[in-house]
């Protein structure tokens, strides 16, 4: 029977520009060391605020799946 197994990890990307950029950074960085990325799902968005209450950092928690290769 043919089938595949995928591993899911959570990452947090950050950006001073936007949530979209933060999510892209998380996926792009993961792609540098993981192969066969399949799905990325934004799980949570939040912001870091400075002492004056202004947004200083956008954060995106991203769930990423990639194909699991069993060791022989």
Protein backbone atom coordinates (compact mmCIF):
# COMPACT_ATOMS: atom_id res chain seq x y z
CA UNK A 1 0.00 0.00 0.00
CA UNK A 2 1.49 3.33 -1.08
CA UNK A 3 1.38 6.28 1.28
CA UNK A 4 3.41 9.04 2.81
CA UNK A 5 4.12 10.41 6.25
CA UNK A 6 4.52 14.11 6.99
CA UNK A 7 6.02 15.83 9.99
CA UNK A 8 4.51 19.09 11.27
CA UNK A 9 6.49 21.75 13.11
CA UNK A 10 5.62 25.21 14.40
CA UNK A 11 7.76 28.22 13.60
CA UNK A 12 7.52 31.89 14.53
CA UNK A 13 8.57 34.40 11.89
CA UNK A 14 9.07 38.06 12.68
CA UNK A 15 9.11 41.24 10.63
CA UNK A 16 9.10 44.97 11.23
CA UNK A 17 6.96 45.39 8.07
CA UNK A 18 3.92 43.06 8.18
CA UNK A 19 2.41 39.74 9.27
CA UNK A 20 2.63 38.53 5.68
CA UNK A 21 6.36 39.21 5.60
CA UNK A 22 6.78 37.49 8.98
CA UNK A 23 5.02 34.35 7.69
CA UNK A 24 7.04 34.36 4.47
CA UNK A 25 10.28 34.64 6.44
CA UNK A 26 9.35 31.62 8.56
CA UNK A 27 8.62 29.47 5.50
CA UNK A 28 11.61 30.70 3.51
CA UNK A 29 14.00 30.05 6.39
CA UNK A 30 12.53 26.58 6.97
CA UNK A 31 13.01 25.82 3.27
CA UNK A 32 16.73 26.44 3.60
CA UNK A 33 17.18 23.36 5.82
CA UNK A 34 14.08 21.21 5.23
CA UNK A 35 13.15 19.42 2.03
CA UNK A 36 9.76 18.75 0.49
CA UNK A 37 7.79 21.44 2.34
CA UNK A 38 4.10 20.76 1.63
CA UNK A 39 1.73 22.99 3.56
CA UNK A 40 2.13 26.14 5.66
CA UNK A 41 -0.73 27.33 7.84
CA UNK A 42 -0.74 30.60 9.75
CA UNK A 43 -1.89 29.59 13.23
CA UNK A 44 -1.61 32.84 15.15
CA UNK A 45 -0.75 36.49 14.55
CA UNK A 46 0.46 38.87 17.21
CA UNK A 47 2.53 42.02 17.65
CA UNK A 48 5.31 43.14 19.92
CA UNK A 49 4.80 46.65 21.26
CA UNK A 50 7.38 49.19 22.35
CA UNK A 51 7.24 51.22 25.57
CA UNK A 52 4.91 53.77 23.94
CA UNK A 53 2.46 51.09 22.79
CA UNK A 54 3.43 51.36 19.13
CA UNK A 55 3.90 48.22 17.04
CA UNK A 56 7.59 47.34 16.88
CA UNK A 57 7.38 43.80 15.47
CA UNK A 58 4.84 41.62 13.67
CA UNK A 59 4.93 37.91 14.58
CA UNK A 60 3.34 35.02 12.70
CA UNK A 61 3.18 31.51 14.18
CA UNK A 62 3.22 29.11 11.23
CA UNK A 63 2.59 25.37 11.18
CA UNK A 64 4.67 23.78 8.40
CA UNK A 65 4.51 20.20 7.13
CA UNK A 66 7.19 18.36 5.20
CA UNK A 67 7.64 14.83 3.97
CA UNK A 68 9.19 12.53 6.56
CA UNK A 69 11.85 10.24 5.20
CA UNK A 70 12.25 7.10 7.30
CA UNK A 71 15.79 5.96 8.03
CA UNK A 72 16.61 2.45 6.86
